[in-house]
Amino acid sequence: MSLQFTTLDVFTTSAFEGNPLAVVTIPPPSQQAPLTQSQKQRIAREFNLSETVFVHDVENRAETDERKIDIFTPQFELPFAGHPTIGTAVFLQPQGVKSMIAKAGRIDLEFENGSPRALIPHDVKLHKERVPKHEIEAGWDGKLAEVAAADEGAPLFSIVNGMTFALVNLSSLELLGAAKVGAMGYIDGDLQDDGWKHDFDSRRYYYTLLDGETSSDGKHVQNLRTRLVKRNMEDPATGSAACALSCYLALHKLSTNSIRFNITQGVEMGRESLIVVDVEVETDGAGDRKVKTVHLSGKAVEVMKGTVRVPQ
């Protein structure tokens, strides 16, 4: 038994840039028995990309404009991830799909000139604990030592429960380029608040603020460069981290209520990606700023098509 798959490069219009994604279509139950969790995990491990999405096809596509999706890394399932959302939206657009149902919730879609804009489910959380001081190892050059020093006090922020990032601000693009995979220490998942604890693979989202401007419609536009570095790898484009960082900045560093973030990631890897996040903020009865909506936008291009065998 085999399944159809398509790979896409996401947050780019050029093949072999952006972040690769595999999308596997699972036929409706009348045509094939459902895949087990183990089978989906083994297929994701075979692709060995940062994420693989399983789209559950329906009996009659004319009767519904939504699809259920499952998002897997090679190690486990995720409730939400950004570049799978955008890549899968591009894949499903010819079928007239207007919403996707992920584990984190419903994701409504809009399309403008073929590019998706996704309404992202969110349950933002700024954790009480922050990243502790990092030991500076002998032999590190000055720039890498500065990157390590920036760790201390960095906030831990979740876009939803299960997707947490250490948001590390670096003051220059030179420092951003000096960050190295595997150089920084482990960040204990127990630093997260009760009910939110999980091993988040020491995900550091390094960011450097660039210029800001005001658009013609009065929206503040903030440009940034970023890098997502885990313990043993770097990600060329991370929509969930971009959403987390954008919400954090909108709530805690900026004062306007309508903000667009243009985020460029993956430059140092040779896989430049452009991620756009729009955050709308409102003030509650107590005067506290709250995230009202988060929209994630980007482009994607198909690269490969084929079939994958279903493991027994």
C-alpha atoms as a PDB file:
ATOM      1  CA  MET A   1       0.000   0.000   0.000  1.00  0.00           C
ATOM      2  CA  SER A   2       1.334   3.435  -0.974  1.00  0.00           C
ATOM      3  CA  LEU A   3       0.359   7.054  -0.364  1.00  0.00           C
ATOM      4  CA  GLN A   4       0.800  10.124  -2.545  1.00  0.00           C
ATOM      5  CA  PHE A   5       3.188  12.791  -1.296  1.00  0.00           C
ATOM      6  CA  THR A   6       4.358  16.234  -2.373  1.00  0.00           C
ATOM      7  CA  THR A   7       7.307  18.195  -1.036  1.00  0.00           C
ATOM      8  CA  LEU A   8       7.349  21.962  -0.950  1.00  0.00           C
ATOM      9  CA  ASP A   9       9.889  24.605  -0.024  1.00  0.00           C
ATOM     10  CA  VAL A  10       8.087  27.027   2.270  1.00  0.00           C
ATOM     11  CA  PHE A  11       8.465  30.769   2.901  1.00  0.00           C
ATOM     12  CA  THR A  12      10.085  31.219  -0.494  1.00  0.00           C
ATOM     13  CA  THR A  13       9.246  31.376  -4.197  1.00  0.00           C
ATOM     14  CA  SER A  14      12.456  29.606  -5.224  1.00  0.00           C
ATOM     15  CA  ALA A  15      12.992  25.862  -5.084  1.00  0.00           C
ATOM     16  CA  PHE A  16      15.861  24.761  -2.832  1.00  0.00           C
ATOM     17  CA  GLU A  17      15.465  27.774  -0.577  1.00  0.00           C
ATOM     18  CA  GLY A  18      13.099  28.214   2.369  1.00  0.00           C
ATOM     19  CA  ASN A  19      12.174  25.272   4.599  1.00  0.00           C
ATOM     20  CA  PRO A  20      11.348  21.869   3.044  1.00  0.00           C
ATOM     21  CA  LEU A  21       8.071  20.153   3.948  1.00  0.00           C
ATOM     22  CA  ALA A  22       6.526  16.809   3.017  1.00  0.00           C
ATOM     23  CA  VAL A  23       2.738  16.580   2.648  1.00  0.00           C
ATOM     24  CA  VAL A  24       1.284  13.054   2.599  1.00  0.00           C
ATOM     25  CA  THR A  25      -2.345  12.495   1.603  1.00  0.00           C
ATOM     26  CA  ILE A  26      -4.312   9.856   3.527  1.00  0.00           C
ATOM     27  CA  PRO A  27      -7.321   8.631   1.486  1.00  0.00           C
ATOM     28  CA  PRO A  28     -10.784   8.649   3.122  1.00  0.00           C
ATOM     29  CA  PRO A  29     -11.742   5.622   5.273  1.00  0.00           C
ATOM     30  CA  SER A  30     -13.860   4.078   2.494  1.00  0.00           C
ATOM     31  CA  GLN A  31     -10.727   3.689   0.376  1.00  0.00           C
ATOM     32  CA  GLN A  32      -8.116   2.723   2.954  1.00  0.00           C
ATOM     33  CA  ALA A  33      -7.798   1.846   6.622  1.00  0.00           C
ATOM     34  CA  PRO A  34      -6.603   4.777   8.773  1.00  0.00           C
ATOM     35  CA  LEU A  35      -2.902   5.002   9.528  1.00  0.00           C
ATOM     36  CA  THR A  36      -1.774   4.283  13.058  1.00  0.00           C
ATOM     37  CA  GLN A  37       0.239   6.796  15.044  1.00  0.00           C
ATOM     38  CA  SER A  38       3.247   4.512  14.681  1.00  0.00           C
ATOM     39  CA  GLN A  39       2.913   4.363  10.891  1.00  0.00           C
ATOM     40  CA  LYS A  40       2.723   8.140  10.601  1.00  0.00           C
ATOM     41  CA  GLN A  41       5.744   8.507  12.860  1.00  0.00           C
ATOM     42  CA  ARG A  42       7.791   6.046  10.799  1.00  0.00           C
ATOM     43  CA  ILE A  43       6.917   7.845   7.560  1.00  0.00           C
ATOM     44  CA  ALA A  44       7.926  11.189   9.083  1.00  0.00           C
ATOM     45  CA  ARG A  45      11.184   9.622  10.235  1.00  0.00           C
ATOM     46  CA  GLU A  46      11.800   8.322   6.703  1.00  0.00           C
ATOM     47  CA  PHE A  47      11.401  11.792   5.180  1.00  0.00           C
ATOM     48  CA  ASN A  48      13.596  13.130   8.011  1.00  0.00           C
ATOM     49  CA  LEU A  49      12.513  16.723   7.415  1.00  0.00           C
ATOM     50  CA  SER A  50      11.788  19.103  10.267  1.00  0.00           C
ATOM     51  CA  GLU A  51       8.066  18.355   9.740  1.00  0.00           C
ATOM     52  CA  THR A  52       5.835  16.082   7.689  1.00  0.00           C
ATOM     53  CA  VAL A  53       2.101  16.779   7.382  1.00  0.00           C
ATOM     54  CA  PHE A  54      -0.587  14.131   6.917  1.00  0.00           C
ATOM     55  CA  VAL A  55      -3.722  15.460   5.221  1.00  0.00           C
ATOM     56  CA  HIS A  56      -6.899  13.447   5.765  1.00  0.00           C
ATOM     57  CA  ASP A  57      -8.760  13.486   2.459  1.00  0.00           C
ATOM     58  CA  VAL A  58     -12.568  13.451   2.416  1.00  0.00           C
ATOM     59  CA  GLU A  59     -15.137  11.333   0.599  1.00  0.00           C
ATOM     60  CA  ASN A  60     -16.551  14.233  -1.425  1.00  0.00           C
ATOM     61  CA  ARG A  61     -14.364  17.309  -1.790  1.00  0.00           C
ATOM     62  CA  ALA A  62     -17.317  19.324  -3.119  1.00  0.00           C
ATOM     63  CA  GLU A  63     -19.126  18.978   0.215  1.00  0.00           C
ATOM     64  CA  THR A  64     -16.511  20.483   2.544  1.00  0.00           C
ATOM     65  CA  ASP A  65     -13.818  23.141   2.422  1.00  0.00           C
ATOM     66  CA  GLU A  66     -11.888  21.972   5.495  1.00  0.00           C
ATOM     67  CA  ARG A  67      -9.308  19.250   6.092  1.00  0.00           C
ATOM     68  CA  LYS A  68      -7.921  17.613   9.195  1.00  0.00           C
ATOM     69  CA  ILE A  69      -4.120  17.610   9.373  1.00  0.00           C
ATOM     70  CA  ASP A  70      -1.519  15.910  11.584  1.00  0.00           C
ATOM     71  CA  ILE A  71       1.955  17.441  11.960  1.00  0.00           C
ATOM     72  CA  PHE A  72       4.923  15.204  12.797  1.00  0.00           C
ATOM     73  CA  THR A  73       8.619  15.754  13.353  1.00  0.00           C
ATOM     74  CA  PRO A  74      10.898  12.708  12.974  1.00  0.00           C
ATOM     75  CA  GLN A  75      10.505  12.198  16.745  1.00  0.00           C
ATOM     76  CA  PHE A  76       6.950  13.176  17.740  1.00  0.00           C
ATOM     77  CA  GLU A  77       3.670  14.858  16.810  1.00  0.00           C
ATOM     78  CA  LEU A  78       3.191  18.625  17.186  1.00  0.00           C
ATOM     79  CA  PRO A  79      -0.007  20.519  18.011  1.00  0.00           C
ATOM     80  CA  PHE A  80       0.936  23.322  15.610  1.00  0.00           C
ATOM     81  CA  ALA A  81       3.816  24.482  13.457  1.00  0.00           C
ATOM     82  CA  GLY A  82       4.076  27.441  11.143  1.00  0.00           C
ATOM     83  CA  HIS A  83       5.835  26.339   7.989  1.00  0.00           C
ATOM     84  CA  PRO A  84       3.673  23.175   7.743  1.00  0.00           C
ATOM     85  CA  THR A  85       0.608  25.431   7.978  1.00  0.00           C
ATOM     86  CA  ILE A  86       1.690  27.627   5.057  1.00  0.00           C
ATOM     87  CA  GLY A  87       3.047  24.777   2.919  1.00  0.00           C
ATOM     88  CA  THR A  88      -0.062  22.643   3.403  1.00  0.00           C
ATOM     89  CA  ALA A  89      -2.302  25.632   2.655  1.00  0.00           C
ATOM     90  CA  VAL A  90      -0.530  26.129  -0.685  1.00  0.00           C
ATOM     91  CA  PHE A  91      -0.845  22.400  -1.421  1.00  0.00           C
ATOM     92  CA  LEU A  92      -4.588  22.400  -0.617  1.00  0.00           C
ATOM     93  CA  GLN A  93      -5.511  25.643  -2.366  1.00  0.00           C
ATOM     94  CA  PRO A  94      -6.436  23.943  -5.692  1.00  0.00           C
ATOM     95  CA  GLN A  95      -8.968  21.832  -3.735  1.00  0.00           C
ATOM     96  CA  GLY A  96     -10.746  24.966  -2.478  1.00  0.00           C
ATOM     97  CA  VAL A  97      -9.813  24.353   1.160  1.00  0.00           C
ATOM     98  CA  LYS A  98     -10.489  27.329   3.445  1.00  0.00           C
ATOM     99  CA  SER A  99      -9.644  25.884   6.856  1.00  0.00           C
ATOM    100  CA  MET A 100      -7.471  23.185   8.407  1.00  0.00           C
ATOM    101  CA  ILE A 101      -8.015  21.413  11.715  1.00  0.00           C
ATOM    102  CA  ALA A 102      -4.753  20.827  13.610  1.00  0.00           C
ATOM    103  CA  LYS A 103      -4.311  19.486  17.126  1.00  0.00           C
ATOM    104  CA  ALA A 104      -3.992  23.080  18.393  1.00  0.00           C
ATOM    105  CA  GLY A 105      -7.294  24.057  16.796  1.00  0.00           C
ATOM    106  CA  ARG A 106      -8.908  25.419  13.666  1.00  0.00           C
ATOM    107  CA  ILE A 107      -6.764  27.383  11.200  1.00  0.00           C
ATOM    108  CA  ASP A 108      -8.808  29.573   8.850  1.00  0.00           C
ATOM    109  CA  LEU A 109      -7.208  30.498   5.529  1.00  0.00           C
ATOM    110  CA  GLU A 110      -7.350  33.426   3.147  1.00  0.00           C
ATOM    111  CA  PHE A 111      -5.552  33.618  -0.197  1.00  0.00           C
ATOM    112  CA  GLU A 112      -4.238  36.711  -1.934  1.00  0.00           C
ATOM    113  CA  ASN A 113      -2.585  36.256  -5.344  1.00  0.00           C
ATOM    114  CA  GLY A 114      -2.084  32.588  -4.506  1.00  0.00           C
ATOM    115  CA  SER A 115      -0.386  33.249  -1.163  1.00  0.00           C
ATOM    116  CA  PRO A 116      -2.055  31.982   2.032  1.00  0.00           C
ATOM    117  CA  ARG A 117      -2.736  34.039   5.130  1.00  0.00           C
ATOM    118  CA  ALA A 118      -3.544  31.792   8.084  1.00  0.00           C
ATOM    119  CA  LEU A 119      -5.382  32.754  11.268  1.00  0.00           C
ATOM    120  CA  ILE A 120      -3.200  31.076  13.883  1.00  0.00           C
ATOM    121  CA  PRO A 121      -4.620  29.477  17.050  1.00  0.00           C
ATOM    122  CA  HIS A 122      -2.782  30.916  20.033  1.00  0.00           C
ATOM    123  CA  ASP A 123      -2.577  30.583  23.790  1.00  0.00           C
ATOM    124  CA  VAL A 124       0.426  32.759  24.513  1.00  0.00           C
ATOM    125  CA  LYS A 125       2.444  32.345  27.681  1.00  0.00           C
ATOM    126  CA  LEU A 126       5.394  34.296  29.068  1.00  0.00           C
ATOM    127  CA  HIS A 127       6.934  31.888  31.568  1.00  0.00           C
ATOM    128  CA  LYS A 128       8.068  33.143  34.968  1.00  0.00           C
ATOM    129  CA  GLU A 129      11.569  31.686  34.753  1.00  0.00           C
ATOM    130  CA  ARG A 130      14.164  32.919  32.282  1.00  0.00           C
ATOM    131  CA  VAL A 131      17.233  31.353  30.702  1.00  0.00           C
ATOM    132  CA  PRO A 132      20.022  31.123  33.317  1.00  0.00           C
ATOM    133  CA  LYS A 133      23.588  32.319  32.864  1.00  0.00           C
ATOM    134  CA  HIS A 134      25.593  30.220  30.422  1.00  0.00           C
ATOM    135  CA  GLU A 135      29.122  29.079  31.155  1.00  0.00           C
ATOM    136  CA  ILE A 136      31.634  30.619  28.739  1.00  0.00           C
ATOM    137  CA  GLU A 137      33.938  27.859  27.514  1.00  0.00           C
ATOM    138  CA  ALA A 138      37.668  28.301  27.072  1.00  0.00           C
ATOM    139  CA  GLY A 139      38.666  28.798  23.460  1.00  0.00           C
ATOM    140  CA  TRP A 140      35.507  30.576  22.354  1.00  0.00           C
ATOM    141  CA  ASP A 141      36.131  33.694  20.310  1.00  0.00           C
ATOM    142  CA  GLY A 142      34.774  37.004  21.528  1.00  0.00           C
ATOM    143  CA  LYS A 143      31.678  37.030  19.325  1.00  0.00           C
ATOM    144  CA  LEU A 144      30.543  33.545  20.357  1.00  0.00           C
ATOM    145  CA  ALA A 145      31.083  34.514  23.990  1.00  0.00           C
ATOM    146  CA  GLU A 146      28.837  37.547  23.426  1.00  0.00           C
ATOM    147  CA  VAL A 147      26.154  35.285  21.940  1.00  0.00           C
ATOM    148  CA  ALA A 148      26.376  33.041  25.008  1.00  0.00           C
ATOM    149  CA  ALA A 149      26.167  36.024  27.345  1.00  0.00           C
ATOM    150  CA  ALA A 150      22.958  37.160  25.611  1.00  0.00           C
ATOM    151  CA  ASP A 151      21.325  33.917  26.795  1.00  0.00           C
ATOM    152  CA  GLU A 152      21.156  35.137  30.390  1.00  0.00           C
ATOM    153  CA  GLY A 153      17.698  36.446  31.188  1.00  0.00           C
ATOM    154  CA  ALA A 154      16.212  35.593  27.801  1.00  0.00           C
ATOM    155  CA  PRO A 155      12.445  35.032  28.091  1.00  0.00           C
ATOM    156  CA  LEU A 156      10.774  31.672  27.532  1.00  0.00           C
ATOM    157  CA  PHE A 157       7.615  32.240  25.504  1.00  0.00           C
ATOM    158  CA  SER A 158       4.966  29.864  24.133  1.00  0.00           C
ATOM    159  CA  ILE A 159       2.621  30.494  21.217  1.00  0.00           C
ATOM    160  CA  VAL A 160       0.568  27.451  22.325  1.00  0.00           C
ATOM    161  CA  ASN A 161       1.114  24.824  25.003  1.00  0.00           C
ATOM    162  CA  GLY A 162       3.819  22.540  23.614  1.00  0.00           C
ATOM    163  CA  MET A 163       5.592  25.154  21.452  1.00  0.00           C
ATOM    164  CA  THR A 164       8.054  27.134  23.580  1.00  0.00           C
ATOM    165  CA  PHE A 165      11.078  29.163  22.504  1.00  0.00           C
ATOM    166  CA  ALA A 166      13.908  30.991  24.237  1.00  0.00           C
ATOM    167  CA  LEU A 167      13.854  34.433  22.606  1.00  0.00           C
ATOM    168  CA  VAL A 168      17.434  35.707  22.536  1.00  0.00           C
ATOM    169  CA  ASN A 169      18.024  39.287  21.401  1.00  0.00           C
ATOM    170  CA  LEU A 170      21.339  39.937  19.636  1.00  0.00           C
ATOM    171  CA  SER A 171      22.370  43.523  19.002  1.00  0.00           C
ATOM    172  CA  SER A 172      23.894  43.117  15.533  1.00  0.00           C
ATOM    173  CA  LEU A 173      23.847  40.964  12.414  1.00  0.00           C
ATOM    174  CA  GLU A 174      27.495  40.178  13.120  1.00  0.00           C
ATOM    175  CA  LEU A 175      26.504  38.548  16.410  1.00  0.00           C
ATOM    176  CA  LEU A 176      23.566  36.803  14.734  1.00  0.00           C
ATOM    177  CA  GLY A 177      26.000  35.251  12.268  1.00  0.00           C
ATOM    178  CA  ALA A 178      28.302  34.140  15.095  1.00  0.00           C
ATOM    179  CA  ALA A 179      25.736  31.809  16.719  1.00  0.00           C
ATOM    180  CA  LYS A 180      26.691  28.137  16.290  1.00  0.00           C
ATOM    181  CA  VAL A 181      24.707  24.915  16.369  1.00  0.00           C
ATOM    182  CA  GLY A 182      25.687  22.791  19.360  1.00  0.00           C
ATOM    183  CA  ALA A 183      27.674  25.517  21.100  1.00  0.00           C
ATOM    184  CA  MET A 184      25.122  26.605  23.680  1.00  0.00           C
ATOM    185  CA  GLY A 185      24.071  24.607  26.716  1.00  0.00           C
ATOM    186  CA  TYR A 186      20.890  22.681  27.402  1.00  0.00           C
ATOM    187  CA  ILE A 187      17.834  24.657  28.535  1.00  0.00           C
ATOM    188  CA  ASP A 188      15.860  22.621  31.063  1.00  0.00           C
ATOM    189  CA  GLY A 189      12.201  22.168  30.145  1.00  0.00           C
ATOM    190  CA  ASP A 190      11.368  22.406  33.858  1.00  0.00           C
ATOM    191  CA  LEU A 191      11.942  26.162  33.613  1.00  0.00           C
ATOM    192  CA  GLN A 192       8.509  26.362  32.002  1.00  0.00           C
ATOM    193  CA  ASP A 193       5.478  27.015  34.196  1.00  0.00           C
ATOM    194  CA  ASP A 194       3.492  24.121  35.671  1.00  0.00           C
ATOM    195  CA  GLY A 195       1.176  22.558  33.127  1.00  0.00           C
ATOM    196  CA  TRP A 196       3.424  23.683  30.271  1.00  0.00           C
ATOM    197  CA  LYS A 197       6.547  21.632  30.948  1.00  0.00           C
ATOM    198  CA  HIS A 198       8.048  19.655  28.055  1.00  0.00           C
ATOM    199  CA  ASP A 199      11.472  19.132  26.517  1.00  0.00           C
ATOM    200  CA  PHE A 200      11.515  21.873  23.904  1.00  0.00           C
ATOM    201  CA  ASP A 201      14.912  20.827  22.533  1.00  0.00           C
ATOM    202  CA  SER A 202      16.610  24.008  23.791  1.00  0.00           C
ATOM    203  CA  ARG A 203      15.057  25.967  20.925  1.00  0.00           C
ATOM    204  CA  ARG A 204      16.735  29.373  20.818  1.00  0.00           C
ATOM    205  CA  TYR A 205      15.184  31.915  18.485  1.00  0.00           C
ATOM    206  CA  TYR A 206      17.914  34.490  17.991  1.00  0.00           C
ATOM    207  CA  TYR A 207      16.704  37.807  16.641  1.00  0.00           C
ATOM    208  CA  THR A 208      18.123  41.157  15.607  1.00  0.00           C
ATOM    209  CA  LEU A 209      15.789  44.122  15.255  1.00  0.00           C
ATOM    210  CA  LEU A 210      16.263  46.089  12.048  1.00  0.00           C
ATOM    211  CA  ASP A 211      14.425  49.202  10.878  1.00  0.00           C
ATOM    212  CA  GLY A 212      10.781  49.957  11.567  1.00  0.00           C
ATOM    213  CA  GLU A 213       8.298  52.060   9.628  1.00  0.00           C
ATOM    214  CA  THR A 214       4.630  52.987   9.417  1.00  0.00           C
ATOM    215  CA  SER A 215       2.577  51.674   6.496  1.00  0.00           C
ATOM    216  CA  SER A 216       0.062  53.738   4.520  1.00  0.00           C
ATOM    217  CA  ASP A 217      -2.787  52.269   6.590  1.00  0.00           C
ATOM    218  CA  GLY A 218      -1.146  53.257   9.876  1.00  0.00           C
ATOM    219  CA  LYS A 219       0.224  49.827  10.801  1.00  0.00           C
ATOM    220  CA  HIS A 220       3.638  49.641  12.429  1.00  0.00           C
ATOM    221  CA  VAL A 221       5.991  47.468  10.353  1.00  0.00           C
ATOM    222  CA  GLN A 222       8.993  45.917  12.092  1.00  0.00           C
ATOM    223  CA  ASN A 223      11.761  44.199  10.125  1.00  0.00           C
ATOM    224  CA  LEU A 224      13.905  41.512  11.747  1.00  0.00           C
ATOM    225  CA  ARG A 225      16.545  38.893  11.001  1.00  0.00           C
ATOM    226  CA  THR A 226      16.357  35.622  12.924  1.00  0.00           C
ATOM    227  CA  ARG A 227      17.906  32.191  13.382  1.00  0.00           C
ATOM    228  CA  LEU A 228      16.329  29.133  15.028  1.00  0.00           C
ATOM    229  CA  VAL A 229      19.010  26.960  16.627  1.00  0.00           C
ATOM    230  CA  LYS A 230      18.282  23.745  18.508  1.00  0.00           C
ATOM    231  CA  ARG A 231      20.823  21.597  20.282  1.00  0.00           C
ATOM    232  CA  ASN A 232      21.971  19.775  17.154  1.00  0.00           C
ATOM    233  CA  MET A 233      20.462  21.545  14.142  1.00  0.00           C
ATOM    234  CA  GLU A 234      19.312  24.829  12.645  1.00  0.00           C
ATOM    235  CA  ASP A 235      15.933  25.449  11.033  1.00  0.00           C
ATOM    236  CA  PRO A 236      15.771  27.658   7.915  1.00  0.00           C
ATOM    237  CA  ALA A 237      12.235  28.968   8.559  1.00  0.00           C
ATOM    238  CA  THR A 238      10.136  28.534  11.695  1.00  0.00           C
ATOM    239  CA  GLY A 239       6.626  29.962  11.526  1.00  0.00           C
ATOM    240  CA  SER A 240       5.683  28.985  15.080  1.00  0.00           C
ATOM    241  CA  ALA A 241       8.790  30.710  16.462  1.00  0.00           C
ATOM    242  CA  ALA A 242       8.070  33.751  14.291  1.00  0.00           C
ATOM    243  CA  CYS A 243       4.538  33.898  15.714  1.00  0.00           C
ATOM    244  CA  ALA A 244       5.841  33.511  19.274  1.00  0.00           C
ATOM    245  CA  LEU A 245       8.457  36.232  18.845  1.00  0.00           C
ATOM    246  CA  SER A 246       5.981  38.581  17.161  1.00  0.00           C
ATOM    247  CA  CYS A 247       3.457  38.157  19.976  1.00  0.00           C
ATOM    248  CA  TYR A 248       6.134  38.686  22.618  1.00  0.00           C
ATOM    249  CA  LEU A 249       7.386  41.886  20.980  1.00  0.00           C
ATOM    250  CA  ALA A 250       3.849  43.166  20.390  1.00  0.00           C
ATOM    251  CA  LEU A 251       2.892  42.620  24.032  1.00  0.00           C
ATOM    252  CA  HIS A 252       6.080  43.551  25.848  1.00  0.00           C
ATOM    253  CA  LYS A 253       8.271  45.763  23.638  1.00  0.00           C
ATOM    254  CA  LEU A 254       5.930  47.779  21.404  1.00  0.00           C
ATOM    255  CA  SER A 255       3.004  50.040  22.208  1.00  0.00           C
ATOM    256  CA  THR A 256       0.931  50.068  19.009  1.00  0.00           C
ATOM    257  CA  ASN A 257      -1.998  47.690  18.532  1.00  0.00           C
ATOM    258  CA  SER A 258      -1.598  46.728  14.867  1.00  0.00           C
ATOM    259  CA  ILE A 259       1.842  45.444  13.940  1.00  0.00           C
ATOM    260  CA  ARG A 260       3.343  43.623  10.960  1.00  0.00           C
ATOM    261  CA  PHE A 261       6.602  41.722  11.392  1.00  0.00           C
ATOM    262  CA  ASN A 262       8.705  40.985   8.302  1.00  0.00           C
ATOM    263  CA  ILE A 263      11.072  38.240   9.424  1.00  0.00           C
ATOM    264  CA  THR A 264      13.987  37.003   7.325  1.00  0.00           C
ATOM    265  CA  GLN A 265      15.472  33.672   8.467  1.00  0.00           C
ATOM    266  CA  GLY A 266      17.825  31.052   7.038  1.00  0.00           C
ATOM    267  CA  VAL A 267      20.307  33.460   5.429  1.00  0.00           C
ATOM    268  CA  GLU A 268      23.311  31.908   7.173  1.00  0.00           C
ATOM    269  CA  MET A 269      22.246  28.444   5.925  1.00  0.00           C
ATOM    270  CA  GLY A 270      21.873  29.520   2.301  1.00  0.00           C
ATOM    271  CA  ARG A 271      18.084  28.952   2.470  1.00  0.00           C
ATOM    272  CA  GLU A 272      16.739  32.485   2.808  1.00  0.00           C
ATOM    273  CA  SER A 273      13.110  32.620   3.938  1.00  0.00           C
ATOM    274  CA  LEU A 274      10.599  35.447   4.368  1.00  0.00           C
ATOM    275  CA  ILE A 275       7.946  35.079   7.069  1.00  0.00           C
ATOM    276  CA  VAL A 276       5.213  37.666   7.618  1.00  0.00           C
ATOM    277  CA  VAL A 277       3.286  37.838  10.906  1.00  0.00           C
ATOM    278  CA  ASP A 278       0.467  40.295  11.641  1.00  0.00           C
ATOM    279  CA  VAL A 279      -0.469  40.745  15.307  1.00  0.00           C
ATOM    280  CA  GLU A 280      -3.503  42.643  16.557  1.00  0.00           C
ATOM    281  CA  VAL A 281      -3.447  43.615  20.228  1.00  0.00           C
ATOM    282  CA  GLU A 282      -6.334  44.720  22.434  1.00  0.00           C
ATOM    283  CA  THR A 283      -6.528  45.997  26.007  1.00  0.00           C
ATOM    284  CA  ASP A 284      -8.686  44.150  28.530  1.00  0.00           C
ATOM    285  CA  GLY A 285     -10.753  45.634  31.353  1.00  0.00           C
ATOM    286  CA  ALA A 286      -7.739  45.620  33.674  1.00  0.00           C
ATOM    287  CA  GLY A 287      -5.667  47.595  31.182  1.00  0.00           C
ATOM    288  CA  ASP A 288      -3.460  44.639  30.203  1.00  0.00           C
ATOM    289  CA  ARG A 289      -2.431  44.104  26.590  1.00  0.00           C
ATOM    290  CA  LYS A 290      -3.718  40.848  25.090  1.00  0.00           C
ATOM    291  CA  VAL A 291      -3.210  39.218  21.707  1.00  0.00           C
ATOM    292  CA  LYS A 292      -6.425  39.477  19.713  1.00  0.00           C
ATOM    293  CA  THR A 293      -5.387  37.798  16.450  1.00  0.00           C
ATOM    294  CA  VAL A 294      -2.260  36.349  14.861  1.00  0.00           C
ATOM    295  CA  HIS A 295      -1.998  35.900  11.092  1.00  0.00           C
ATOM    296  CA  LEU A 296       0.899  34.055   9.439  1.00  0.00           C
ATOM    297  CA  SER A 297       1.642  34.637   5.756  1.00  0.00           C
ATOM    298  CA  GLY A 298       4.163  33.316   3.270  1.00  0.00           C
ATOM    299  CA  LYS A 299       4.700  31.617  -0.039  1.00  0.00           C
ATOM    300  CA  ALA A 300       5.689  28.074  -1.025  1.00  0.00           C
ATOM    301  CA  VAL A 301       6.741  26.215  -4.154  1.00  0.00           C
ATOM    302  CA  GLU A 302       6.325  22.520  -4.987  1.00  0.00           C
ATOM    303  CA  VAL A 303       9.556  20.589  -5.526  1.00  0.00           C
ATOM    304  CA  MET A 304       8.832  16.837  -5.697  1.00  0.00           C
ATOM    305  CA  LYS A 305       5.911  14.441  -6.080  1.00  0.00           C
ATOM    306  CA  GLY A 306       5.765  10.685  -5.626  1.00  0.00           C
ATOM    307  CA  THR A 307       4.516   7.789  -3.536  1.00  0.00           C
ATOM    308  CA  VAL A 308       5.655   6.437  -0.192  1.00  0.00           C
ATOM    309  CA  ARG A 309       5.037   2.902   1.020  1.00  0.00           C
ATOM    310  CA  VAL A 310       3.033   2.470   4.203  1.00  0.00           C
ATOM    311  CA  PRO A 311       5.063   0.590   6.838  1.00  0.00           C
ATOM    312  CA  GLN A 312       3.483  -2.517   8.308  1.00  0.00           C
END
